[in-house]
Amino acid sequence: MALRNEETLKANLARNMRFLRLQRKPLLSQKMLAKKLGVTQKSISRYETARCLPPAHVLLAMADIFGFTADELFGENLPDRKGRENNE
């Protein structure tokens, strides 16, 4: 795996988080995701605008909620997960 700088990682995570959150049916708001992760809505906003990275325990919980590995959340493209169920 090629070394990626922090800004690239933040941008990829921000894009993937927002995409995954908004594709959920029913919609998963920042506030609802924050509650599931035990963080504030402001923290979710900061992650989705690439201002900061979440701590490791939050990242792992987020990966579990969305059904991806932490490494996949940092990728430029998310793997295809057709047929997977949404983890509520």
PDB file of N, CA and C in Angstrom:
ATOM      1  N   MET A   1       0.843  -1.179   0.000  1.00  0.00           N
ATOM      2  CA  MET A   1       0.000   0.000   0.000  1.00  0.00           C
ATOM      3  C   MET A   1       0.885   1.238   0.000  1.00  0.00           C
ATOM      4  N   ALA A   2       0.591   2.157  -0.872  1.00  0.00           N
ATOM      5  CA  ALA A   2       1.373   3.386  -0.980  1.00  0.00           C
ATOM      6  C   ALA A   2       1.109   4.286   0.227  1.00  0.00           C
ATOM      7  N   LEU A   3       2.142   4.971   0.656  1.00  0.00           N
ATOM      8  CA  LEU A   3       2.012   5.900   1.766  1.00  0.00           C
ATOM      9  C   LEU A   3       1.174   7.092   1.326  1.00  0.00           C
ATOM     10  N   ARG A   4       0.171   7.441   2.127  1.00  0.00           N
ATOM     11  CA  ARG A   4      -0.686   8.580   1.813  1.00  0.00           C
ATOM     12  C   ARG A   4      -0.544   9.614   2.919  1.00  0.00           C
ATOM     13  N   ASN A   5      -0.554  10.866   2.543  1.00  0.00           N
ATOM     14  CA  ASN A   5      -0.402  11.904   3.563  1.00  0.00           C
ATOM     15  C   ASN A   5      -1.709  12.120   4.319  1.00  0.00           C
ATOM     16  N   GLU A   6      -1.606  12.799   5.442  1.00  0.00           N
ATOM     17  CA  GLU A   6      -2.759  12.993   6.327  1.00  0.00           C
ATOM     18  C   GLU A   6      -3.894  13.738   5.647  1.00  0.00           C
ATOM     19  N   GLU A   7      -3.573  14.731   4.835  1.00  0.00           N
ATOM     20  CA  GLU A   7      -4.629  15.496   4.158  1.00  0.00           C
ATOM     21  C   GLU A   7      -5.420  14.617   3.197  1.00  0.00           C
ATOM     22  N   THR A   8      -4.738  13.725   2.502  1.00  0.00           N
ATOM     23  CA  THR A   8      -5.420  12.798   1.595  1.00  0.00           C
ATOM     24  C   THR A   8      -6.313  11.850   2.381  1.00  0.00           C
ATOM     25  N   LEU A   9      -5.797  11.342   3.492  1.00  0.00           N
ATOM     26  CA  LEU A   9      -6.598  10.440   4.327  1.00  0.00           C
ATOM     27  C   LEU A   9      -7.840  11.137   4.863  1.00  0.00           C
ATOM     28  N   LYS A  10      -7.671  12.367   5.341  1.00  0.00           N
ATOM     29  CA  LYS A  10      -8.822  13.120   5.859  1.00  0.00           C
ATOM     30  C   LYS A  10      -9.851  13.364   4.756  1.00  0.00           C
ATOM     31  N   ALA A  11      -9.382  13.734   3.573  1.00  0.00           N
ATOM     32  CA  ALA A  11     -10.307  14.008   2.455  1.00  0.00           C
ATOM     33  C   ALA A  11     -11.060  12.745   2.050  1.00  0.00           C
ATOM     34  N   ASN A  12     -10.361  11.620   1.959  1.00  0.00           N
ATOM     35  CA  ASN A  12     -11.009  10.362   1.582  1.00  0.00           C
ATOM     36  C   ASN A  12     -12.030   9.932   2.629  1.00  0.00           C
ATOM     37  N   LEU A  13     -11.648   9.996   3.894  1.00  0.00           N
ATOM     38  CA  LEU A  13     -12.577   9.621   4.958  1.00  0.00           C
ATOM     39  C   LEU A  13     -13.797  10.528   4.958  1.00  0.00           C
ATOM     40  N   ALA A  14     -13.578  11.828   4.806  1.00  0.00           N
ATOM     41  CA  ALA A  14     -14.687  12.791   4.801  1.00  0.00           C
ATOM     42  C   ALA A  14     -15.686  12.456   3.690  1.00  0.00           C
ATOM     43  N   ARG A  15     -15.177  12.227   2.488  1.00  0.00           N
ATOM     44  CA  ARG A  15     -16.046  11.922   1.344  1.00  0.00           C
ATOM     45  C   ARG A  15     -16.801  10.613   1.572  1.00  0.00           C
ATOM     46  N   ASN A  16     -16.085   9.584   2.037  1.00  0.00           N
ATOM     47  CA  ASN A  16     -16.710   8.277   2.235  1.00  0.00           C
ATOM     48  C   ASN A  16     -17.728   8.284   3.371  1.00  0.00           C
ATOM     49  N   MET A  17     -17.403   8.973   4.456  1.00  0.00           N
ATOM     50  CA  MET A  17     -18.356   9.068   5.576  1.00  0.00           C
ATOM     51  C   MET A  17     -19.663   9.699   5.139  1.00  0.00           C
ATOM     52  N   ARG A  18     -19.540  10.846   4.492  1.00  0.00           N
ATOM     53  CA  ARG A  18     -20.738  11.568   4.057  1.00  0.00           C
ATOM     54  C   ARG A  18     -21.557  10.720   3.087  1.00  0.00           C
ATOM     55  N   PHE A  19     -20.882  10.100   2.120  1.00  0.00           N
ATOM     56  CA  PHE A  19     -21.568   9.252   1.151  1.00  0.00           C
ATOM     57  C   PHE A  19     -22.324   8.126   1.863  1.00  0.00           C
ATOM     58  N   LEU A  20     -21.642   7.418   2.743  1.00  0.00           N
ATOM     59  CA  LEU A  20     -22.268   6.279   3.433  1.00  0.00           C
ATOM     60  C   LEU A  20     -23.405   6.717   4.339  1.00  0.00           C
ATOM     61  N   ARG A  21     -23.231   7.823   5.006  1.00  0.00           N
ATOM     62  CA  ARG A  21     -24.277   8.323   5.904  1.00  0.00           C
ATOM     63  C   ARG A  21     -25.524   8.717   5.120  1.00  0.00           C
ATOM     64  N   LEU A  22     -25.333   9.397   3.994  1.00  0.00           N
ATOM     65  CA  LEU A  22     -26.475   9.888   3.218  1.00  0.00           C
ATOM     66  C   LEU A  22     -27.150   8.819   2.374  1.00  0.00           C
ATOM     67  N   GLN A  23     -26.458   7.735   2.081  1.00  0.00           N
ATOM     68  CA  GLN A  23     -27.078   6.679   1.269  1.00  0.00           C
ATOM     69  C   GLN A  23     -27.971   5.765   2.086  1.00  0.00           C
ATOM     70  N   ARG A  24     -27.876   5.850   3.405  1.00  0.00           N
ATOM     71  CA  ARG A  24     -28.674   4.987   4.270  1.00  0.00           C
ATOM     72  C   ARG A  24     -30.156   5.263   4.107  1.00  0.00           C
ATOM     73  N   LYS A  25     -30.937   4.214   4.217  1.00  0.00           N
ATOM     74  CA  LYS A  25     -32.387   4.322   4.187  1.00  0.00           C
ATOM     75  C   LYS A  25     -32.909   3.696   5.467  1.00  0.00           C
ATOM     76  N   PRO A  26     -33.527   4.434   6.374  1.00  0.00           N
ATOM     77  CA  PRO A  26     -33.749   5.877   6.306  1.00  0.00           C
ATOM     78  C   PRO A  26     -32.441   6.635   6.505  1.00  0.00           C
ATOM     79  N   LEU A  27     -32.463   7.886   6.107  1.00  0.00           N
ATOM     80  CA  LEU A  27     -31.298   8.753   6.178  1.00  0.00           C
ATOM     81  C   LEU A  27     -30.716   8.764   7.584  1.00  0.00           C
ATOM     82  N   LEU A  28     -29.405   8.716   7.671  1.00  0.00           N
ATOM     83  CA  LEU A  28     -28.696   8.774   8.950  1.00  0.00           C
ATOM     84  C   LEU A  28     -28.133  10.181   9.088  1.00  0.00           C
ATOM     85  N   SER A  29     -28.714  10.973   9.974  1.00  0.00           N
ATOM     86  CA  SER A  29     -28.257  12.348  10.165  1.00  0.00           C
ATOM     87  C   SER A  29     -26.932  12.369  10.918  1.00  0.00           C
ATOM     88  N   GLN A  30     -26.262  13.511  10.878  1.00  0.00           N
ATOM     89  CA  GLN A  30     -25.033  13.666  11.649  1.00  0.00           C
ATOM     90  C   GLN A  30     -25.324  13.452  13.134  1.00  0.00           C
ATOM     91  N   LYS A  31     -26.433  13.979  13.590  1.00  0.00           N
ATOM     92  CA  LYS A  31     -26.797  13.852  15.004  1.00  0.00           C
ATOM     93  C   LYS A  31     -27.020  12.389  15.388  1.00  0.00           C
ATOM     94  N   MET A  32     -27.699  11.620  14.535  1.00  0.00           N
ATOM     95  CA  MET A  32     -27.947  10.208  14.827  1.00  0.00           C
ATOM     96  C   MET A  32     -26.639   9.417  14.815  1.00  0.00           C
ATOM     97  N   LEU A  33     -25.767   9.702  13.842  1.00  0.00           N
ATOM     98  CA  LEU A  33     -24.479   9.011  13.783  1.00  0.00           C
ATOM     99  C   LEU A  33     -23.646   9.354  15.018  1.00  0.00           C
ATOM    100  N   ALA A  34     -23.665  10.607  15.402  1.00  0.00           N
ATOM    101  CA  ALA A  34     -22.915  11.039  16.585  1.00  0.00           C
ATOM    102  C   ALA A  34     -23.367  10.268  17.819  1.00  0.00           C
ATOM    103  N   LYS A  35     -24.674  10.098  17.967  1.00  0.00           N
ATOM    104  CA  LYS A  35     -25.208   9.371  19.120  1.00  0.00           C
ATOM    105  C   LYS A  35     -24.737   7.919  19.107  1.00  0.00           C
ATOM    106  N   LYS A  36     -24.753   7.287  17.928  1.00  0.00           N
ATOM    107  CA  LYS A  36     -24.307   5.901  17.809  1.00  0.00           C
ATOM    108  C   LYS A  36     -22.829   5.753  18.151  1.00  0.00           C
ATOM    109  N   LEU A  37     -22.040   6.783  17.837  1.00  0.00           N
ATOM    110  CA  LEU A  37     -20.596   6.728  18.047  1.00  0.00           C
ATOM    111  C   LEU A  37     -20.163   7.290  19.394  1.00  0.00           C
ATOM    112  N   GLY A  38     -21.087   7.923  20.099  1.00  0.00           N
ATOM    113  CA  GLY A  38     -20.754   8.504  21.396  1.00  0.00           C
ATOM    114  C   GLY A  38     -19.905   9.762  21.290  1.00  0.00           C
ATOM    115  N   VAL A  39     -20.126  10.520  20.214  1.00  0.00           N
ATOM    116  CA  VAL A  39     -19.427  11.789  20.013  1.00  0.00           C
ATOM    117  C   VAL A  39     -20.466  12.876  19.769  1.00  0.00           C
ATOM    118  N   THR A  40     -20.019  14.102  19.582  1.00  0.00           N
ATOM    119  CA  THR A  40     -20.948  15.190  19.310  1.00  0.00           C
ATOM    120  C   THR A  40     -21.209  15.322  17.812  1.00  0.00           C
ATOM    121  N   GLN A  41     -22.305  15.992  17.487  1.00  0.00           N
ATOM    122  CA  GLN A  41     -22.610  16.275  16.080  1.00  0.00           C
ATOM    123  C   GLN A  41     -21.517  17.142  15.481  1.00  0.00           C
ATOM    124  N   LYS A  42     -20.952  18.022  16.277  1.00  0.00           N
ATOM    125  CA  LYS A  42     -19.864  18.889  15.817  1.00  0.00           C
ATOM    126  C   LYS A  42     -18.645  18.061  15.406  1.00  0.00           C
ATOM    127  N   SER A  43     -18.385  16.982  16.127  1.00  0.00           N
ATOM    128  CA  SER A  43     -17.277  16.090  15.760  1.00  0.00           C
ATOM    129  C   SER A  43     -17.527  15.450  14.400  1.00  0.00           C
ATOM    130  N   ILE A  44     -18.756  14.981  14.179  1.00  0.00           N
ATOM    131  CA  ILE A  44     -19.097  14.376  12.885  1.00  0.00           C
ATOM    132  C   ILE A  44     -18.899  15.402  11.778  1.00  0.00           C
ATOM    133  N   SER A  45     -19.337  16.624  12.003  1.00  0.00           N
ATOM    134  CA  SER A  45     -19.158  17.690  11.026  1.00  0.00           C
ATOM    135  C   SER A  45     -17.671  17.905  10.724  1.00  0.00           C
ATOM    136  N   ARG A  46     -16.848  17.900  11.740  1.00  0.00           N
ATOM    137  CA  ARG A  46     -15.403  18.085  11.552  1.00  0.00           C
ATOM    138  C   ARG A  46     -14.795  16.937  10.751  1.00  0.00           C
ATOM    139  N   TYR A  47     -15.250  15.710  10.998  1.00  0.00           N
ATOM    140  CA  TYR A  47     -14.740  14.569  10.230  1.00  0.00           C
ATOM    141  C   TYR A  47     -15.175  14.684   8.764  1.00  0.00           C
ATOM    142  N   GLU A  48     -16.434  15.078   8.537  1.00  0.00           N
ATOM    143  CA  GLU A  48     -16.971  15.144   7.176  1.00  0.00           C
ATOM    144  C   GLU A  48     -16.465  16.345   6.378  1.00  0.00           C
ATOM    145  N   THR A  49     -15.885  17.307   7.036  1.00  0.00           N
ATOM    146  CA  THR A  49     -15.302  18.449   6.323  1.00  0.00           C
ATOM    147  C   THR A  49     -13.781  18.349   6.300  1.00  0.00           C
ATOM    148  N   ALA A  50     -13.251  17.204   6.688  1.00  0.00           N
ATOM    149  CA  ALA A  50     -11.818  16.905   6.648  1.00  0.00           C
ATOM    150  C   ALA A  50     -10.994  17.858   7.507  1.00  0.00           C
ATOM    151  N   ARG A  51     -11.600  18.376   8.571  1.00  0.00           N
ATOM    152  CA  ARG A  51     -10.839  19.234   9.485  1.00  0.00           C
ATOM    153  C   ARG A  51     -10.007  18.424  10.466  1.00  0.00           C
ATOM    154  N   CYS A  52     -10.450  17.204  10.777  1.00  0.00           N
ATOM    155  CA  CYS A  52      -9.682  16.351  11.679  1.00  0.00           C
ATOM    156  C   CYS A  52     -10.066  14.896  11.444  1.00  0.00           C
ATOM    157  N   LEU A  53      -9.255  14.011  11.992  1.00  0.00           N
ATOM    158  CA  LEU A  53      -9.521  12.575  11.931  1.00  0.00           C
ATOM    159  C   LEU A  53     -10.112  12.123  13.263  1.00  0.00           C
ATOM    160  N   PRO A  54     -10.998  11.141  13.233  1.00  0.00           N
ATOM    161  CA  PRO A  54     -11.553  10.633  14.486  1.00  0.00           C
ATOM    162  C   PRO A  54     -10.510   9.813  15.235  1.00  0.00           C
ATOM    163  N   PRO A  55     -10.662   9.709  16.563  1.00  0.00           N
ATOM    164  CA  PRO A  55      -9.780   8.823  17.316  1.00  0.00           C
ATOM    165  C   PRO A  55     -10.014   7.375  16.877  1.00  0.00           C
ATOM    166  N   ALA A  56      -9.045   6.530  17.149  1.00  0.00           N
ATOM    167  CA  ALA A  56      -9.097   5.137  16.687  1.00  0.00           C
ATOM    168  C   ALA A  56     -10.370   4.408  17.114  1.00  0.00           C
ATOM    169  N   HIS A  57     -10.804   4.579  18.361  1.00  0.00           N
ATOM    170  CA  HIS A  57     -11.993   3.845  18.824  1.00  0.00           C
ATOM    171  C   HIS A  57     -13.255   4.301  18.082  1.00  0.00           C
ATOM    172  N   VAL A  58     -13.319   5.576  17.714  1.00  0.00           N
ATOM    173  CA  VAL A  58     -14.467   6.083  16.952  1.00  0.00           C
ATOM    174  C   VAL A  58     -14.401   5.569  15.516  1.00  0.00           C
ATOM    175  N   LEU A  59     -13.217   5.562  14.940  1.00  0.00           N
ATOM    176  CA  LEU A  59     -13.039   5.062  13.581  1.00  0.00           C
ATOM    177  C   LEU A  59     -13.449   3.597  13.479  1.00  0.00           C
ATOM    178  N   LEU A  60     -13.061   2.797  14.443  1.00  0.00           N
ATOM    179  CA  LEU A  60     -13.427   1.376  14.423  1.00  0.00           C
ATOM    180  C   LEU A  60     -14.933   1.183  14.585  1.00  0.00           C
ATOM    181  N   ALA A  61     -15.560   1.968  15.447  1.00  0.00           N
ATOM    182  CA  ALA A  61     -17.018   1.889  15.604  1.00  0.00           C
ATOM    183  C   ALA A  61     -17.722   2.321  14.321  1.00  0.00           C
ATOM    184  N   MET A  62     -17.202   3.361  13.671  1.00  0.00           N
ATOM    185  CA  MET A  62     -17.781   3.839  12.419  1.00  0.00           C
ATOM    186  C   MET A  62     -17.670   2.765  11.334  1.00  0.00           C
ATOM    187  N   ALA A  63     -16.521   2.123  11.251  1.00  0.00           N
ATOM    188  CA  ALA A  63     -16.333   1.054  10.276  1.00  0.00           C
ATOM    189  C   ALA A  63     -17.351  -0.064  10.507  1.00  0.00           C
ATOM    190  N   ASP A  64     -17.592  -0.389  11.758  1.00  0.00           N
ATOM    191  CA  ASP A  64     -18.563  -1.426  12.100  1.00  0.00           C
ATOM    192  C   ASP A  64     -19.977  -1.008  11.693  1.00  0.00           C
ATOM    193  N   ILE A  65     -20.342   0.227  11.971  1.00  0.00           N
ATOM    194  CA  ILE A  65     -21.673   0.724  11.617  1.00  0.00           C
ATOM    195  C   ILE A  65     -21.912   0.667  10.109  1.00  0.00           C
ATOM    196  N   PHE A  66     -20.903   1.061   9.337  1.00  0.00           N
ATOM    197  CA  PHE A  66     -21.064   1.112   7.882  1.00  0.00           C
ATOM    198  C   PHE A  66     -20.733  -0.198   7.177  1.00  0.00           C
ATOM    199  N   GLY A  67     -20.162  -1.170   7.884  1.00  0.00           N
ATOM    200  CA  GLY A  67     -19.873  -2.464   7.279  1.00  0.00           C
ATOM    201  C   GLY A  67     -18.634  -2.481   6.410  1.00  0.00           C
ATOM    202  N   PHE A  68     -17.674  -1.630   6.713  1.00  0.00           N
ATOM    203  CA  PHE A  68     -16.410  -1.588   6.000  1.00  0.00           C
ATOM    204  C   PHE A  68     -15.285  -1.674   7.016  1.00  0.00           C
ATOM    205  N   THR A  69     -14.085  -1.983   6.556  1.00  0.00           N
ATOM    206  CA  THR A  69     -12.943  -1.932   7.453  1.00  0.00           C
ATOM    207  C   THR A  69     -12.495  -0.476   7.568  1.00  0.00           C
ATOM    208  N   ALA A  70     -11.739  -0.186   8.600  1.00  0.00           N
ATOM    209  CA  ALA A  70     -11.205   1.172   8.759  1.00  0.00           C
ATOM    210  C   ALA A  70     -10.345   1.538   7.552  1.00  0.00           C
ATOM    211  N   ASP A  71      -9.544   0.603   7.083  1.00  0.00           N
ATOM    212  CA  ASP A  71      -8.697   0.845   5.918  1.00  0.00           C
ATOM    213  C   ASP A  71      -9.537   1.208   4.690  1.00  0.00           C
ATOM    214  N   GLU A  72     -10.646   0.513   4.502  1.00  0.00           N
ATOM    215  CA  GLU A  72     -11.522   0.800   3.360  1.00  0.00           C
ATOM    216  C   GLU A  72     -12.123   2.201   3.449  1.00  0.00           C
ATOM    217  N   LEU A  73     -12.431   2.666   4.668  1.00  0.00           N
ATOM    218  CA  LEU A  73     -12.993   4.010   4.823  1.00  0.00           C
ATOM    219  C   LEU A  73     -12.007   5.091   4.394  1.00  0.00           C
ATOM    220  N   PHE A  74     -10.716   4.807   4.463  1.00  0.00           N
ATOM    221  CA  PHE A  74      -9.691   5.768   4.051  1.00  0.00           C
ATOM    222  C   PHE A  74      -9.353   5.667   2.570  1.00  0.00           C
ATOM    223  N   GLY A  75      -9.926   4.698   1.867  1.00  0.00           N
ATOM    224  CA  GLY A  75      -9.605   4.484   0.464  1.00  0.00           C
ATOM    225  C   GLY A  75     -10.202   5.531  -0.459  1.00  0.00           C
ATOM    226  N   GLU A  76      -9.613   5.640  -1.638  1.00  0.00           N
ATOM    227  CA  GLU A  76     -10.134   6.588  -2.624  1.00  0.00           C
ATOM    228  C   GLU A  76     -11.476   6.129  -3.161  1.00  0.00           C
ATOM    229  N   ASN A  77     -11.657   4.828  -3.244  1.00  0.00           N
ATOM    230  CA  ASN A  77     -12.924   4.260  -3.700  1.00  0.00           C
ATOM    231  C   ASN A  77     -13.350   3.176  -2.726  1.00  0.00           C
ATOM    232  N   LEU A  78     -14.604   3.210  -2.339  1.00  0.00           N
ATOM    233  CA  LEU A  78     -15.129   2.170  -1.463  1.00  0.00           C
ATOM    234  C   LEU A  78     -15.363   0.903  -2.264  1.00  0.00           C
ATOM    235  N   PRO A  79     -15.066  -0.271  -1.697  1.00  0.00           N
ATOM    236  CA  PRO A  79     -15.364  -1.522  -2.391  1.00  0.00           C
ATOM    237  C   PRO A  79     -16.870  -1.672  -2.593  1.00  0.00           C
ATOM    238  N   ASP A  80     -17.245  -2.362  -3.633  1.00  0.00           N
ATOM    239  CA  ASP A  80     -18.661  -2.603  -3.909  1.00  0.00           C
ATOM    240  C   ASP A  80     -19.209  -3.570  -2.874  1.00  0.00           C
ATOM    241  N   ARG A  81     -20.296  -3.192  -2.257  1.00  0.00           N
ATOM    242  CA  ARG A  81     -20.922  -4.028  -1.231  1.00  0.00           C
ATOM    243  C   ARG A  81     -22.369  -4.320  -1.597  1.00  0.00           C
ATOM    244  N   LYS A  82     -22.631  -4.603  -2.859  1.00  0.00           N
ATOM    245  CA  LYS A  82     -24.002  -4.903  -3.286  1.00  0.00           C
ATOM    246  C   LYS A  82     -24.524  -6.083  -2.503  1.00  0.00           C
ATOM    247  N   GLY A  83     -25.740  -5.936  -2.056  1.00  0.00           N
ATOM    248  CA  GLY A  83     -26.397  -7.021  -1.337  1.00  0.00           C
ATOM    249  C   GLY A  83     -26.139  -7.024   0.148  1.00  0.00           C
ATOM    250  N   ARG A  84     -25.270  -6.130   0.628  1.00  0.00           N
ATOM    251  CA  ARG A  84     -25.022  -6.112   2.072  1.00  0.00           C
ATOM    252  C   ARG A  84     -26.158  -5.377   2.761  1.00  0.00           C
ATOM    253  N   GLU A  85     -26.425  -5.775   3.966  1.00  0.00           N
ATOM    254  CA  GLU A  85     -27.485  -5.123   4.731  1.00  0.00           C
ATOM    255  C   GLU A  85     -26.922  -3.929   5.473  1.00  0.00           C
ATOM    256  N   ASN A  86     -27.760  -2.922   5.694  1.00  0.00           N
ATOM    257  CA  ASN A  86     -27.347  -1.783   6.509  1.00  0.00           C
ATOM    258  C   ASN A  86     -27.298  -2.214   7.951  1.00  0.00           C
ATOM    259  N   ASN A  87     -26.198  -1.890   8.630  1.00  0.00           N
ATOM    260  CA  ASN A  87     -26.096  -2.167  10.056  1.00  0.00           C
ATOM    261  C   ASN A  87     -26.729  -1.028  10.812  1.00  0.00           C
ATOM    262  N   GLU A  88     -27.788  -1.281  11.482  1.00  0.00           N
ATOM    263  CA  GLU A  88     -28.466  -0.240  12.255  1.00  0.00           C
ATOM    264  C   GLU A  88     -28.008  -0.354  13.613  1.00  0.00           C
TER     265      GLU A  88
END
